[in-house]
Amino acid sequence: MLVLKTFMTMSMTREIAAALCIASLLVTPTIAFCPPHQASYEMITLGASKLSDLPTGVSPFEKSWTKSVDVDSQLRKRALSAFQAAKKDGIRLMEIDFPPLLGQGKTQFDDFDNIQEINQNRDWCIEFMPSLTGETIWFLLPDVKEVEMAKEEWTGQRYRQAATFTTIEKVTAEYASDYTKPWGASVAAAVQSATGAENLLGNVGALDTISRDAPPTLHLICQPGNGGPVEDWINCEILHNACPSDSTISLIVN
């Protein structure tokens, strides 16, 4: 079932965060937008008159259906409808959350790692962006290397022109002065500085130009934390609150 929920944190008074949790029996969803550094939160569930149906053939036991059914496409159609409805209701904090490798025939019974997860979430986002007509999109990935690889994998203009490719760090630093650097990135930066290695953290030339004077209508944020840094989640809240536009939506795909 596709469930639309809202979440509220202590520091987000009167701010509502929407989440799409796609789940079925034995496919476990995770809690949506609630920065882990918050001590407490209140969860509010919207009364839904009708839940979206699962993509055709989804089952944790039978996987042959993935050969003939485009599960990711079905998920994007459902996500687009939910996004449009949430936007119409004035919701500015949202999260789309579903088992990312579902379309590859993998469930929690199978082996997979966070690299496979972020690659799949990245590809899902890039294919989702062209359907968000009327939106000016900044596509935020966890780090420069992810942006570099995304551009290497997706060279078609339909996708490259659908959004501005950047990072959580770049946008946070553009909006505010209190960016919190993940410890892993700090260590890698220290190693790069000490050894003189180039582009250890990725080629910054891969980042598109952004300006706080021309904020987007949508921050599309792909898998903050990537299985680790809580700082990414903190920065997501910072950049959302510091955005010069009061109407910009922050949508996390996790």
Protein backbone atom coordinates (compact mmCIF):
# COMPACT_ATOMS: atom_id res chain seq x y z
CA MET A 1 0.00 0.00 0.00
CA LEU A 2 1.09 3.56 -0.63
CA VAL A 3 0.51 5.60 2.51
CA LEU A 4 0.58 9.39 2.69
CA LYS A 5 1.67 10.58 6.13
CA THR A 6 2.76 13.83 7.68
CA PHE A 7 5.43 14.33 10.31
CA MET A 8 6.27 17.25 12.58
CA THR A 9 9.47 17.83 14.54
CA MET A 10 10.09 20.10 17.51
CA SER A 11 12.03 22.58 15.35
CA MET A 12 9.46 22.52 12.56
CA THR A 13 6.52 24.07 14.36
CA ARG A 14 3.66 24.46 11.89
CA GLU A 15 5.79 22.85 9.20
CA ILE A 16 4.44 19.60 7.82
CA ALA A 17 6.60 16.93 6.23
CA ALA A 18 4.90 14.47 3.90
CA ALA A 19 6.07 10.95 3.36
CA LEU A 20 5.23 8.22 0.90
CA CYS A 21 5.90 4.85 2.46
CA ILE A 22 5.42 1.98 0.06
CA ALA A 23 5.07 -1.23 1.95
CA SER A 24 3.58 -4.65 1.72
CA LEU A 25 3.56 -7.59 4.05
CA LEU A 26 7.20 -8.50 4.68
CA VAL A 27 8.50 -5.37 2.93
CA THR A 28 9.34 -2.95 5.73
CA PRO A 29 8.97 0.84 5.26
CA THR A 30 11.06 3.34 7.18
CA ILE A 31 10.06 6.51 9.01
CA ALA A 32 10.14 9.60 6.84
CA PHE A 33 11.46 13.16 7.20
CA CYS A 34 12.51 13.58 10.80
CA PRO A 35 16.12 14.68 11.27
CA PRO A 36 17.81 12.14 13.58
CA HIS A 37 19.29 14.84 15.82
CA GLN A 38 15.82 15.84 16.99
CA ALA A 39 15.14 14.55 20.49
CA SER A 40 11.46 14.01 19.91
CA TYR A 41 8.78 14.35 17.31
CA GLU A 42 5.06 14.07 16.88
CA MET A 43 3.71 11.86 14.13
CA ILE A 44 0.40 12.81 12.55
CA THR A 45 -1.25 10.49 10.07
CA LEU A 46 -3.63 11.95 7.53
CA GLY A 47 -7.00 10.28 7.26
CA ALA A 48 -6.86 8.74 3.79
CA SER A 49 -10.10 7.74 2.11
CA LYS A 50 -8.24 5.59 -0.42
CA LEU A 51 -4.78 4.09 -0.41
CA SER A 52 -2.81 3.72 -3.62
CA ASP A 53 -2.44 0.15 -4.80
CA LEU A 54 0.88 -1.65 -5.04
CA PRO A 55 2.53 -2.05 -8.44
CA THR A 56 1.34 -5.12 -10.32
CA GLY A 57 2.88 -8.38 -9.17
CA VAL A 58 4.85 -7.13 -6.15
CA SER A 59 5.71 -10.10 -3.96
CA PRO A 60 8.59 -10.93 -1.60
CA PHE A 61 8.49 -14.54 -2.78
CA GLU A 62 7.92 -14.49 -6.55
CA LYS A 63 10.44 -12.42 -8.54
CA SER A 64 9.82 -13.46 -12.12
CA TRP A 65 7.36 -10.56 -12.52
CA THR A 66 10.23 -8.04 -12.62
CA LYS A 67 11.16 -9.34 -16.08
CA SER A 68 7.89 -8.18 -17.59
CA VAL A 69 6.72 -5.32 -15.33
CA ASP A 70 8.34 -1.88 -15.04
CA VAL A 71 7.88 -1.48 -11.28
CA ASP A 72 9.91 1.74 -11.05
CA SER A 73 7.70 3.39 -13.69
CA GLN A 74 4.59 2.44 -11.74
CA LEU A 75 6.13 3.83 -8.56
CA ARG A 76 6.94 7.11 -10.33
CA LYS A 77 3.34 7.50 -11.52
CA ARG A 78 2.03 6.97 -7.99
CA ALA A 79 4.67 9.31 -6.53
CA LEU A 80 3.83 12.05 -9.05
CA SER A 81 0.13 11.95 -8.15
CA ALA A 82 0.93 12.08 -4.43
CA PHE A 83 3.44 14.92 -4.93
CA GLN A 84 0.93 16.99 -6.86
CA ALA A 85 -1.76 16.43 -4.23
CA ALA A 86 0.61 17.34 -1.38
CA LYS A 87 1.78 20.46 -3.21
CA LYS A 88 -1.83 21.52 -3.76
CA ASP A 89 -2.37 21.22 0.00
CA GLY A 90 0.58 23.53 0.66
CA ILE A 91 2.98 20.90 2.02
CA ARG A 92 6.64 21.91 1.60
CA LEU A 93 8.51 19.07 3.30
CA MET A 94 8.07 15.67 1.69
CA GLU A 95 9.72 12.27 1.46
CA ILE A 96 9.24 9.42 -0.98
CA ASP A 97 10.32 6.21 0.70
CA PHE A 98 10.12 2.72 -0.74
CA PRO A 99 12.43 -0.31 -1.08
CA PRO A 100 14.65 1.08 -3.87
CA LEU A 101 15.64 -2.30 -5.31
CA LEU A 102 12.05 -3.53 -5.50
CA GLY A 103 12.11 -3.02 -9.27
CA GLN A 104 15.23 -5.20 -9.47
CA GLY A 105 13.46 -8.09 -7.80
CA LYS A 106 15.18 -7.63 -4.44
CA THR A 107 13.49 -7.58 -1.04
CA GLN A 108 14.81 -7.64 2.52
CA PHE A 109 15.47 -11.36 2.04
CA ASP A 110 18.24 -10.58 -0.46
CA ASP A 111 21.77 -9.23 -0.11
CA PHE A 112 22.36 -5.63 -1.20
CA ASP A 113 24.46 -2.69 -0.07
CA ASN A 114 24.12 1.08 0.24
CA ILE A 115 25.95 1.62 -3.07
CA GLN A 116 23.27 -0.34 -4.92
CA GLU A 117 20.62 1.60 -3.01
CA ILE A 118 21.94 5.07 -3.79
CA ASN A 119 22.56 4.19 -7.44
CA GLN A 120 19.01 2.96 -7.80
CA ASN A 121 17.54 5.95 -5.95
CA ARG A 122 19.66 8.29 -8.11
CA ASP A 123 18.45 6.67 -11.33
CA TRP A 124 14.85 6.68 -10.10
CA CYS A 125 15.09 10.41 -9.35
CA ILE A 126 16.64 11.26 -12.71
CA GLU A 127 13.87 9.43 -14.57
CA PHE A 128 11.30 11.08 -12.28
CA MET A 129 12.46 14.66 -12.93
CA PRO A 130 11.11 15.13 -16.49
CA SER A 131 7.59 14.36 -15.25
CA LEU A 132 7.73 17.28 -12.78
CA THR A 133 6.63 19.78 -15.39
CA GLY A 134 6.49 23.40 -14.30
CA GLU A 135 9.08 22.88 -11.57
CA THR A 136 12.54 24.45 -11.42
CA ILE A 137 14.57 21.64 -9.86
CA TRP A 138 17.85 21.49 -8.01
CA PHE A 139 18.87 17.83 -7.79
CA LEU A 140 20.90 17.38 -4.59
CA LEU A 141 23.16 14.35 -4.24
CA PRO A 142 25.23 13.47 -1.13
CA ASP A 143 28.61 14.46 -2.58
CA VAL A 144 30.52 15.68 -5.63
CA LYS A 145 31.55 12.18 -6.73
CA GLU A 146 27.89 11.15 -6.91
CA VAL A 147 27.15 14.14 -9.15
CA GLU A 148 30.11 13.26 -11.34
CA MET A 149 28.95 9.65 -11.73
CA ALA A 150 25.34 10.69 -12.35
CA LYS A 151 26.41 12.88 -15.25
CA GLU A 152 28.59 10.10 -16.65
CA GLU A 153 25.70 7.65 -16.52
CA TRP A 154 22.96 10.00 -17.73
CA THR A 155 24.13 12.00 -20.75
CA GLY A 156 20.77 12.54 -22.47
CA GLN A 157 19.63 16.17 -22.64
CA ARG A 158 16.09 15.23 -21.58
CA TYR A 159 17.45 14.37 -18.15
CA ARG A 160 20.37 16.78 -17.90
CA GLN A 161 18.15 19.76 -18.74
CA ALA A 162 15.43 18.67 -16.32
CA ALA A 163 17.39 19.87 -13.28
CA THR A 164 20.47 21.59 -11.90
CA PHE A 165 22.85 18.92 -10.57
CA THR A 166 24.49 19.84 -7.27
CA THR A 167 25.14 18.59 -3.73
CA ILE A 168 23.64 18.98 -0.26
CA GLU A 169 26.85 20.71 0.84
CA LYS A 170 26.85 23.20 -2.04
CA VAL A 171 23.24 24.27 -1.51
CA THR A 172 23.58 24.49 2.28
CA ALA A 173 26.71 26.63 1.93
CA GLU A 174 24.96 28.82 -0.66
CA TYR A 175 22.05 29.52 1.68
CA ALA A 176 23.68 29.54 5.11
CA SER A 177 27.03 29.75 6.91
CA ASP A 178 26.45 26.85 9.32
CA TYR A 179 27.03 23.86 7.03
CA THR A 180 27.87 20.72 9.05
CA LYS A 181 30.48 18.64 7.21
CA PRO A 182 30.14 14.84 7.53
CA TRP A 183 33.12 13.35 9.36
CA GLY A 184 33.97 11.05 6.45
CA ALA A 185 34.21 14.00 4.07
CA SER A 186 36.37 15.85 6.61
CA VAL A 187 38.80 12.92 6.80
CA ALA A 188 38.94 12.59 3.00
CA ALA A 189 39.56 16.35 2.65
CA ALA A 190 42.43 16.11 5.18
CA VAL A 191 43.97 13.19 3.27
CA GLN A 192 43.65 15.07 -0.02
CA SER A 193 45.31 18.12 1.48
CA ALA A 194 48.14 16.10 3.03
CA THR A 195 48.89 13.98 -0.04
CA GLY A 196 48.19 16.51 -2.74
CA ALA A 197 45.87 14.04 -4.46
CA GLU A 198 43.50 15.65 -6.94
CA ASN A 199 39.75 15.13 -7.11
CA LEU A 200 39.74 12.60 -4.27
CA LEU A 201 36.26 13.80 -3.37
CA GLY A 202 35.20 14.24 -7.00
CA ASN A 203 35.63 16.88 -9.65
CA VAL A 204 33.87 20.06 -8.48
CA GLY A 205 33.67 21.06 -12.13
CA ALA A 206 30.82 18.55 -12.43
CA LEU A 207 28.59 20.77 -10.27
CA ASP A 208 26.16 23.07 -12.05
CA THR A 209 26.06 26.75 -11.08
CA ILE A 210 23.54 27.76 -8.42
CA SER A 211 22.62 31.07 -6.79
CA ARG A 212 20.60 31.93 -3.69
CA ASP A 213 19.24 34.87 -5.70
CA ALA A 214 17.43 32.42 -7.99
CA PRO A 215 16.24 29.54 -5.78
CA PRO A 216 14.35 26.63 -7.34
CA THR A 217 10.75 25.66 -6.77
CA LEU A 218 11.92 22.18 -5.75
CA HIS A 219 14.90 20.71 -3.91
CA LEU A 220 14.96 17.05 -4.98
CA ILE A 221 17.29 15.44 -2.43
CA CYS A 222 18.58 11.92 -3.07
CA GLN A 223 19.38 9.62 -0.14
CA PRO A 224 20.90 11.99 2.43
CA GLY A 225 23.30 10.15 4.72
CA ASN A 226 23.78 7.33 2.22
CA GLY A 227 23.81 4.77 5.00
CA GLY A 228 25.96 6.86 7.31
CA PRO A 229 26.39 10.60 7.99
CA VAL A 230 23.66 12.07 10.17
CA GLU A 231 25.08 15.47 9.23
CA ASP A 232 23.41 15.21 5.82
CA TRP A 233 20.01 15.15 7.52
CA ILE A 234 20.93 18.16 9.64
CA ASN A 235 21.99 20.02 6.51
CA CYS A 236 18.73 19.14 4.77
CA GLU A 237 16.86 20.94 7.54
CA ILE A 238 19.29 23.87 7.46
CA LEU A 239 19.01 24.38 3.70
CA HIS A 240 15.24 24.11 3.75
CA ASN A 241 14.86 26.67 6.53
CA ALA A 242 17.49 28.99 5.03
CA CYS A 243 16.08 28.96 1.50
CA PRO A 244 15.21 32.55 0.47
CA SER A 245 11.93 31.39 -1.07
CA ASP A 246 9.04 30.56 1.23
CA SER A 247 7.41 28.42 -1.44
CA THR A 248 10.30 26.09 -2.31
CA ILE A 249 9.52 22.43 -1.65
CA SER A 250 12.13 20.02 -0.26
CA LEU A 251 11.46 16.47 -1.42
CA ILE A 252 13.68 13.63 -0.18
CA VAL A 253 13.90 10.30 -1.99
CA ASN A 254 15.36 7.82 0.45
